[in-house]
Protein backbone atom coordinates (compact mmCIF):
# COMPACT_ATOMS: atom_id res chain seq x y z
CA UNK A 1 10.20 1.51 22.61
CA UNK A 2 8.77 0.92 19.16
CA UNK A 3 5.18 0.91 17.94
CA UNK A 4 3.39 -1.62 15.80
CA UNK A 5 4.29 0.31 12.64
CA UNK A 6 8.04 0.26 13.36
CA UNK A 7 9.95 -0.71 10.20
CA UNK A 8 6.84 -0.16 8.06
CA UNK A 9 9.09 0.70 5.12
CA UNK A 10 10.44 -2.87 4.94
CA UNK A 11 7.00 -4.06 3.79
CA UNK A 12 7.22 -2.04 0.56
CA UNK A 13 9.11 -2.65 -2.67
CA UNK A 14 8.94 -1.53 -6.29
CA UNK A 15 8.30 -4.02 -9.09
CA UNK A 16 9.82 -3.90 -12.59
CA UNK A 17 6.90 -1.79 -13.86
CA UNK A 18 7.57 0.88 -11.24
CA UNK A 19 4.50 0.09 -9.16
CA UNK A 20 4.72 -0.10 -5.39
CA UNK A 21 3.98 -3.51 -3.85
CA UNK A 22 3.11 -4.18 -0.21
CA UNK A 23 3.63 -7.55 1.45
CA UNK A 24 -0.14 -7.80 1.87
CA UNK A 25 -0.47 -8.08 -1.91
CA UNK A 26 -1.68 -4.53 -2.44
CA UNK A 27 -0.20 -2.90 -5.56
CA UNK A 28 -0.18 0.85 -5.84
CA UNK A 29 0.13 2.38 -9.28
CA UNK A 30 2.24 5.53 -9.38
CA UNK A 31 0.85 7.95 -11.96
CA UNK A 32 3.06 11.02 -12.36
CA UNK A 33 1.45 14.21 -13.61
CA UNK A 34 2.64 17.75 -14.16
CA UNK A 35 3.65 18.92 -10.70
CA UNK A 36 1.82 16.12 -8.86
CA UNK A 37 1.78 12.36 -8.44
CA UNK A 38 -1.38 10.27 -8.14
CA UNK A 39 -1.40 6.96 -6.32
CA UNK A 40 -4.04 4.47 -7.37
CA UNK A 41 -4.68 0.92 -6.17
CA UNK A 42 -4.75 -1.93 -8.65
CA UNK A 43 -8.23 -3.54 -8.70
CA UNK A 44 -6.93 -7.12 -8.82
CA UNK A 45 -4.61 -6.51 -5.90
CA UNK A 46 -7.46 -4.99 -3.86
CA UNK A 47 -9.28 -8.33 -4.08
CA UNK A 48 -6.12 -10.13 -2.90
CA UNK A 49 -5.66 -7.62 -0.08
CA UNK A 50 -9.28 -7.93 1.07
CA UNK A 51 -9.16 -11.73 1.03
CA UNK A 52 -5.92 -11.76 3.02
CA UNK A 53 -7.13 -9.28 5.61
CA UNK A 54 -10.54 -10.90 6.12
CA UNK A 55 -8.87 -14.31 6.51
CA UNK A 56 -6.83 -12.75 9.33
CA UNK A 57 -10.06 -11.74 11.05
CA UNK A 58 -10.11 -8.05 10.13
CA UNK A 59 -13.71 -6.75 10.10
CA UNK A 60 -14.97 -5.35 6.82
CA UNK A 61 -15.50 -1.88 8.29
CA UNK A 62 -11.76 -1.64 9.11
CA UNK A 63 -10.56 -2.43 5.58
CA UNK A 64 -11.07 1.11 4.26
CA UNK A 65 -8.95 2.59 7.07
CA UNK A 66 -6.19 0.05 6.43
CA UNK A 67 -6.12 0.85 2.72
CA UNK A 68 -5.97 4.58 3.49
CA UNK A 69 -3.02 3.98 5.85
CA UNK A 70 -1.25 1.88 3.23
CA UNK A 71 -1.75 4.57 0.59
CA UNK A 72 -0.17 7.13 2.95
CA UNK A 73 2.71 4.70 3.56
CA UNK A 74 3.10 4.16 -0.19
CA UNK A 75 3.29 7.89 -0.75
CA UNK A 76 5.96 8.28 1.94
CA UNK A 77 7.93 5.26 0.65
CA UNK A 78 7.76 6.61 -2.93
CA UNK A 79 9.11 9.98 -1.82
CA UNK A 80 11.98 8.36 0.12
CA UNK A 81 12.88 5.83 -2.60
CA UNK A 82 12.73 7.56 -6.01
């Protein structure tokens, strides 16, 4: 039996600039540092993500948790797909 997040990795891709892109429109900027990697959301894509999610009926108070989950997914996808 599979959960609702089965095949989550198929929703992610990398664009030509090296940023991670989710099917929801959220873009995650990968900022490598010395011994660490920061993941940062693109401001324009956050507006697209919020509009898409609220049009689907997601309450505003759930958006922060969804973004946090997507950032964790982006980190995992980045580590698996260098």
